[in-house]
Amino acid sequence: GAYNFLLEGDNLHSLKLLEKTHKGK
């Protein structure tokens, strides 16, 4: 089944990477 995600760390760091995977999503 589908997965949820818990990202530990500075949220700016996580957001920079999420912009690669979830831009517009």
PDB file of all heavy atoms in Angstrom:
ATOM      1  N   GLY A   1       0.808  -1.211   0.000  1.00  0.00           N
ATOM      2  CA  GLY A   1       0.000   0.000   0.000  1.00  0.00           C
ATOM      3  C   GLY A   1       0.845   1.267   0.000  1.00  0.00           C
ATOM      4  O   GLY A   1       2.070   1.229   0.076  1.00  0.00           O
ATOM      5  N   ALA A   2       0.171   2.422  -0.067  1.00  0.00           N
ATOM      6  CA  ALA A   2       0.846   3.704  -0.110  1.00  0.00           C
ATOM      7  C   ALA A   2       1.486   4.024   1.237  1.00  0.00           C
ATOM      8  O   ALA A   2       1.052   3.537   2.282  1.00  0.00           O
ATOM      9  CB  ALA A   2      -0.140   4.805  -0.493  1.00  0.00           C
ATOM     10  N   TYR A   3       2.521   4.873   1.207  1.00  0.00           N
ATOM     11  CA  TYR A   3       3.261   5.244   2.416  1.00  0.00           C
ATOM     12  C   TYR A   3       3.081   6.710   2.773  1.00  0.00           C
ATOM     13  O   TYR A   3       2.971   7.577   1.896  1.00  0.00           O
ATOM     14  CB  TYR A   3       4.756   4.964   2.236  1.00  0.00           C
ATOM     15  CG  TYR A   3       5.114   3.522   2.529  1.00  0.00           C
ATOM     16  CD1 TYR A   3       4.829   2.521   1.597  1.00  0.00           C
ATOM     17  CD2 TYR A   3       5.705   3.158   3.729  1.00  0.00           C
ATOM     18  CE1 TYR A   3       5.141   1.190   1.864  1.00  0.00           C
ATOM     19  CE2 TYR A   3       6.022   1.825   4.007  1.00  0.00           C
ATOM     20  CZ  TYR A   3       5.734   0.854   3.071  1.00  0.00           C
ATOM     21  OH  TYR A   3       6.035  -0.463   3.353  1.00  0.00           O
ATOM     22  N   ASN A   4       3.052   6.967   4.067  1.00  0.00           N
ATOM     23  CA  ASN A   4       3.163   8.311   4.625  1.00  0.00           C
ATOM     24  C   ASN A   4       4.613   8.516   5.037  1.00  0.00           C
ATOM     25  O   ASN A   4       5.376   7.552   5.145  1.00  0.00           O
ATOM     26  CB  ASN A   4       2.252   8.450   5.847  1.00  0.00           C
ATOM     27  CG  ASN A   4       0.804   8.134   5.519  1.00  0.00           C
ATOM     28  OD1 ASN A   4       0.103   8.916   4.912  1.00  0.00           O
ATOM     29  ND2 ASN A   4       0.355   6.948   5.920  1.00  0.00           N
ATOM     30  N   PHE A   5       4.996   9.781   5.319  1.00  0.00           N
ATOM     31  CA  PHE A   5       6.394  10.061   5.607  1.00  0.00           C
ATOM     32  C   PHE A   5       6.548  11.001   6.794  1.00  0.00           C
ATOM     33  O   PHE A   5       5.818  11.985   6.922  1.00  0.00           O
ATOM     34  CB  PHE A   5       7.080  10.682   4.379  1.00  0.00           C
ATOM     35  CG  PHE A   5       7.203   9.724   3.232  1.00  0.00           C
ATOM     36  CD1 PHE A   5       6.154   9.531   2.346  1.00  0.00           C
ATOM     37  CD2 PHE A   5       8.359   8.972   3.061  1.00  0.00           C
ATOM     38  CE1 PHE A   5       6.246   8.634   1.302  1.00  0.00           C
ATOM     39  CE2 PHE A   5       8.464   8.065   2.020  1.00  0.00           C
ATOM     40  CZ  PHE A   5       7.403   7.890   1.136  1.00  0.00           C
ATOM     41  N   LEU A   6       7.525  10.664   7.645  1.00  0.00           N
ATOM     42  CA  LEU A   6       7.945  11.529   8.752  1.00  0.00           C
ATOM     43  C   LEU A   6       9.391  11.922   8.471  1.00  0.00           C
ATOM     44  O   LEU A   6      10.264  11.060   8.362  1.00  0.00           O
ATOM     45  CB  LEU A   6       7.825  10.791  10.082  1.00  0.00           C
ATOM     46  CG  LEU A   6       8.344  11.514  11.329  1.00  0.00           C
ATOM     47  CD1 LEU A   6       7.710  12.897  11.482  1.00  0.00           C
ATOM     48  CD2 LEU A   6       8.094  10.669  12.571  1.00  0.00           C
ATOM     49  N   LEU A   7       9.640  13.220   8.311  1.00  0.00           N
ATOM     50  CA  LEU A   7      10.950  13.739   7.939  1.00  0.00           C
ATOM     51  C   LEU A   7      11.555  14.474   9.134  1.00  0.00           C
ATOM     52  O   LEU A   7      11.046  15.521   9.544  1.00  0.00           O
ATOM     53  CB  LEU A   7      10.830  14.689   6.736  1.00  0.00           C
ATOM     54  CG  LEU A   7      10.005  14.178   5.550  1.00  0.00           C
ATOM     55  CD1 LEU A   7       9.955  15.222   4.447  1.00  0.00           C
ATOM     56  CD2 LEU A   7      10.574  12.864   5.013  1.00  0.00           C
ATOM     57  N   GLU A   8      12.612  13.916   9.684  1.00  0.00           N
ATOM     58  CA  GLU A   8      13.257  14.525  10.841  1.00  0.00           C
ATOM     59  C   GLU A   8      14.414  15.419  10.400  1.00  0.00           C
ATOM     60  O   GLU A   8      15.306  14.987   9.660  1.00  0.00           O
ATOM     61  CB  GLU A   8      13.790  13.444  11.780  1.00  0.00           C
ATOM     62  CG  GLU A   8      14.543  14.000  12.988  1.00  0.00           C
ATOM     63  CD  GLU A   8      15.451  12.992  13.656  1.00  0.00           C
ATOM     64  OE1 GLU A   8      15.031  11.828  13.821  1.00  0.00           O
ATOM     65  OE2 GLU A   8      16.589  13.374  14.000  1.00  0.00           O
ATOM     66  N   GLY A   9      14.409  16.668  10.860  1.00  0.00           N
ATOM     67  CA  GLY A   9      15.487  17.591  10.537  1.00  0.00           C
ATOM     68  C   GLY A   9      14.954  19.004  10.378  1.00  0.00           C
ATOM     69  O   GLY A   9      13.761  19.261  10.567  1.00  0.00           O
ATOM     70  N   ASP A  10      15.828  19.945  10.038  1.00  0.00           N
ATOM     71  CA  ASP A  10      15.406  21.317   9.797  1.00  0.00           C
ATOM     72  C   ASP A  10      14.372  21.337   8.678  1.00  0.00           C
ATOM     73  O   ASP A  10      14.597  20.768   7.607  1.00  0.00           O
ATOM     74  CB  ASP A  10      16.620  22.172   9.408  1.00  0.00           C
ATOM     75  CG  ASP A  10      16.295  23.645   9.366  1.00  0.00           C
ATOM     76  OD1 ASP A  10      15.512  24.043   8.474  1.00  0.00           O
ATOM     77  OD2 ASP A  10      16.801  24.404  10.207  1.00  0.00           O
ATOM     78  N   ASN A  11      13.230  21.981   8.912  1.00  0.00           N
ATOM     79  CA  ASN A  11      12.165  21.904   7.906  1.00  0.00           C
ATOM     80  C   ASN A  11      12.520  22.633   6.619  1.00  0.00           C
ATOM     81  O   ASN A  11      11.977  22.321   5.559  1.00  0.00           O
ATOM     82  CB  ASN A  11      10.820  22.382   8.465  1.00  0.00           C
ATOM     83  CG  ASN A  11      10.818  23.819   8.919  1.00  0.00           C
ATOM     84  OD1 ASN A  11      11.779  24.560   8.766  1.00  0.00           O
ATOM     85  ND2 ASN A  11       9.692  24.227   9.503  1.00  0.00           N
ATOM     86  N   LEU A  12      13.444  23.602   6.661  1.00  0.00           N
ATOM     87  CA  LEU A  12      13.878  24.247   5.417  1.00  0.00           C
ATOM     88  C   LEU A  12      14.633  23.248   4.558  1.00  0.00           C
ATOM     89  O   LEU A  12      14.448  23.192   3.336  1.00  0.00           O
ATOM     90  CB  LEU A  12      14.751  25.468   5.723  1.00  0.00           C
ATOM     91  CG  LEU A  12      15.247  26.243   4.500  1.00  0.00           C
ATOM     92  CD1 LEU A  12      14.083  26.733   3.652  1.00  0.00           C
ATOM     93  CD2 LEU A  12      16.132  27.415   4.921  1.00  0.00           C
ATOM     94  N   HIS A  13      15.457  22.450   5.179  1.00  0.00           N
ATOM     95  CA  HIS A  13      16.180  21.369   4.505  1.00  0.00           C
ATOM     96  C   HIS A  13      15.187  20.413   3.840  1.00  0.00           C
ATOM     97  O   HIS A  13      15.298  20.089   2.656  1.00  0.00           O
ATOM     98  CB  HIS A  13      17.023  20.653   5.560  1.00  0.00           C
ATOM     99  CG  HIS A  13      17.919  19.568   5.068  1.00  0.00           C
ATOM    100  ND1 HIS A  13      19.088  19.245   5.692  1.00  0.00           N
ATOM    101  CD2 HIS A  13      17.807  18.698   4.032  1.00  0.00           C
ATOM    102  CE1 HIS A  13      19.668  18.223   5.065  1.00  0.00           C
ATOM    103  NE2 HIS A  13      18.891  17.875   4.061  1.00  0.00           N
ATOM    104  N   SER A  14      14.185  19.988   4.601  1.00  0.00           N
ATOM    105  CA  SER A  14      13.171  19.064   4.058  1.00  0.00           C
ATOM    106  C   SER A  14      12.381  19.699   2.928  1.00  0.00           C
ATOM    107  O   SER A  14      12.095  19.055   1.908  1.00  0.00           O
ATOM    108  CB  SER A  14      12.217  18.617   5.174  1.00  0.00           C
ATOM    109  OG  SER A  14      12.891  17.831   6.130  1.00  0.00           O
ATOM    110  N   LEU A  15      12.007  20.963   3.084  1.00  0.00           N
ATOM    111  CA  LEU A  15      11.228  21.655   2.053  1.00  0.00           C
ATOM    112  C   LEU A  15      12.007  21.774   0.747  1.00  0.00           C
ATOM    113  O   LEU A  15      11.437  21.655  -0.341  1.00  0.00           O
ATOM    114  CB  LEU A  15      10.804  23.036   2.547  1.00  0.00           C
ATOM    115  CG  LEU A  15       9.688  23.057   3.592  1.00  0.00           C
ATOM    116  CD1 LEU A  15       9.548  24.452   4.196  1.00  0.00           C
ATOM    117  CD2 LEU A  15       8.360  22.609   2.982  1.00  0.00           C
ATOM    118  N   LYS A  16      13.313  22.021   0.846  1.00  0.00           N
ATOM    119  CA  LYS A  16      14.143  22.119  -0.356  1.00  0.00           C
ATOM    120  C   LYS A  16      14.097  20.810  -1.147  1.00  0.00           C
ATOM    121  O   LYS A  16      14.064  20.812  -2.380  1.00  0.00           O
ATOM    122  CB  LYS A  16      15.589  22.433   0.025  1.00  0.00           C
ATOM    123  CG  LYS A  16      15.810  23.810   0.618  1.00  0.00           C
ATOM    124  CD  LYS A  16      15.854  24.884  -0.429  1.00  0.00           C
ATOM    125  CE  LYS A  16      16.285  26.218   0.180  1.00  0.00           C
ATOM    126  NZ  LYS A  16      16.297  27.314  -0.820  1.00  0.00           N
ATOM    127  N   LEU A  17      14.095  19.683  -0.433  1.00  0.00           N
ATOM    128  CA  LEU A  17      14.037  18.385  -1.108  1.00  0.00           C
ATOM    129  C   LEU A  17      12.624  18.055  -1.573  1.00  0.00           C
ATOM    130  O   LEU A  17      12.432  17.473  -2.651  1.00  0.00           O
ATOM    131  CB  LEU A  17      14.563  17.297  -0.175  1.00  0.00           C
ATOM    132  CG  LEU A  17      16.081  17.333   0.028  1.00  0.00           C
ATOM    133  CD1 LEU A  17      16.509  16.448   1.187  1.00  0.00           C
ATOM    134  CD2 LEU A  17      16.807  16.903  -1.243  1.00  0.00           C
ATOM    135  N   LEU A  18      11.627  18.445  -0.788  1.00  0.00           N
ATOM    136  CA  LEU A  18      10.241  18.211  -1.210  1.00  0.00           C
ATOM    137  C   LEU A  18       9.914  18.997  -2.486  1.00  0.00           C
ATOM    138  O   LEU A  18       9.072  18.572  -3.277  1.00  0.00           O
ATOM    139  CB  LEU A  18       9.276  18.619  -0.101  1.00  0.00           C
ATOM    140  CG  LEU A  18       9.141  17.634   1.063  1.00  0.00           C
ATOM    141  CD1 LEU A  18       8.344  18.259   2.197  1.00  0.00           C
ATOM    142  CD2 LEU A  18       8.476  16.344   0.599  1.00  0.00           C
ATOM    143  N   GLU A  19      10.589  20.115  -2.688  1.00  0.00           N
ATOM    144  CA  GLU A  19      10.357  20.882  -3.910  1.00  0.00           C
ATOM    145  C   GLU A  19      10.772  20.078  -5.145  1.00  0.00           C
ATOM    146  O   GLU A  19      10.246  20.283  -6.236  1.00  0.00           O
ATOM    147  CB  GLU A  19      11.120  22.202  -3.856  1.00  0.00           C
ATOM    148  CG  GLU A  19      10.702  23.186  -4.933  1.00  0.00           C
ATOM    149  CD  GLU A  19      11.308  24.553  -4.761  1.00  0.00           C
ATOM    150  OE1 GLU A  19      12.144  24.746  -3.858  1.00  0.00           O
ATOM    151  OE2 GLU A  19      10.947  25.447  -5.549  1.00  0.00           O
ATOM    152  N   LYS A  20      11.691  19.141  -4.969  1.00  0.00           N
ATOM    153  CA  LYS A  20      12.101  18.283  -6.076  1.00  0.00           C
ATOM    154  C   LYS A  20      11.074  17.180  -6.345  1.00  0.00           C
ATOM    155  O   LYS A  20      10.865  16.785  -7.489  1.00  0.00           O
ATOM    156  CB  LYS A  20      13.466  17.649  -5.774  1.00  0.00           C
ATOM    157  CG  LYS A  20      14.615  18.637  -5.617  1.00  0.00           C
ATOM    158  CD  LYS A  20      15.871  17.910  -5.152  1.00  0.00           C
ATOM    159  CE  LYS A  20      17.048  18.862  -4.937  1.00  0.00           C
ATOM    160  NZ  LYS A  20      17.554  19.422  -6.190  1.00  0.00           N
ATOM    161  N   THR A  21      10.447  16.680  -5.281  1.00  0.00           N
ATOM    162  CA  THR A  21       9.557  15.522  -5.430  1.00  0.00           C
ATOM    163  C   THR A  21       8.074  15.878  -5.486  1.00  0.00           C
ATOM    164  O   THR A  21       7.276  15.116  -6.038  1.00  0.00           O
ATOM    165  CB  THR A  21       9.769  14.536  -4.264  1.00  0.00           C
ATOM    166  OG1 THR A  21       9.482  15.210  -3.027  1.00  0.00           O
ATOM    167  CG2 THR A  21      11.196  14.013  -4.240  1.00  0.00           C
ATOM    168  N   HIS A  22       7.674  17.022  -4.914  1.00  0.00           N
ATOM    169  CA  HIS A  22       6.251  17.316  -4.764  1.00  0.00           C
ATOM    170  C   HIS A  22       5.841  18.703  -5.258  1.00  0.00           C
ATOM    171  O   HIS A  22       4.811  19.231  -4.844  1.00  0.00           O
ATOM    172  CB  HIS A  22       5.836  17.161  -3.286  1.00  0.00           C
ATOM    173  CG  HIS A  22       5.722  15.740  -2.856  1.00  0.00           C
ATOM    174  ND1 HIS A  22       6.814  14.945  -2.602  1.00  0.00           N
ATOM    175  CD2 HIS A  22       4.636  14.942  -2.644  1.00  0.00           C
ATOM    176  CE1 HIS A  22       6.414  13.736  -2.253  1.00  0.00           C
ATOM    177  NE2 HIS A  22       5.102  13.712  -2.265  1.00  0.00           N
ATOM    178  N   LYS A  23       6.616  19.283  -6.126  1.00  0.00           N
ATOM    179  CA  LYS A  23       6.262  20.598  -6.653  1.00  0.00           C
ATOM    180  C   LYS A  23       4.903  20.526  -7.352  1.00  0.00           C
ATOM    181  O   LYS A  23       4.685  19.731  -8.256  1.00  0.00           O
ATOM    182  CB  LYS A  23       7.331  21.081  -7.631  1.00  0.00           C
ATOM    183  CG  LYS A  23       7.140  22.512  -8.102  1.00  0.00           C
ATOM    184  CD  LYS A  23       8.314  22.950  -8.966  1.00  0.00           C
ATOM    185  CE  LYS A  23       8.144  24.396  -9.407  1.00  0.00           C
ATOM    186  NZ  LYS A  23       9.303  24.833 -10.236  1.00  0.00           N
ATOM    187  N   GLY A  24       3.966  21.351  -6.902  1.00  0.00           N
ATOM    188  CA  GLY A  24       2.633  21.381  -7.502  1.00  0.00           C
ATOM    189  C   GLY A  24       1.765  20.184  -7.181  1.00  0.00           C
ATOM    190  O   GLY A  24       0.729  19.987  -7.824  1.00  0.00           O
ATOM    191  N   LYS A  25       2.122  19.389  -6.153  1.00  0.00           N
ATOM    192  CA  LYS A  25       1.394  18.146  -5.888  1.00  0.00           C
ATOM    193  C   LYS A  25       0.686  18.110  -4.532  1.00  0.00           C
ATOM    194  O   LYS A  25      -0.058  17.177  -4.255  1.00  0.00           O
ATOM    195  CB  LYS A  25       2.351  16.957  -5.964  1.00  0.00           C
ATOM    196  CG  LYS A  25       2.978  16.750  -7.339  1.00  0.00           C
ATOM    197  CD  LYS A  25       3.944  15.582  -7.320  1.00  0.00           C
ATOM    198  CE  LYS A  25       4.592  15.382  -8.677  1.00  0.00           C
ATOM    199  NZ  LYS A  25       5.591  14.275  -8.662  1.00  0.00           N
TER     200      LYS A  25
END
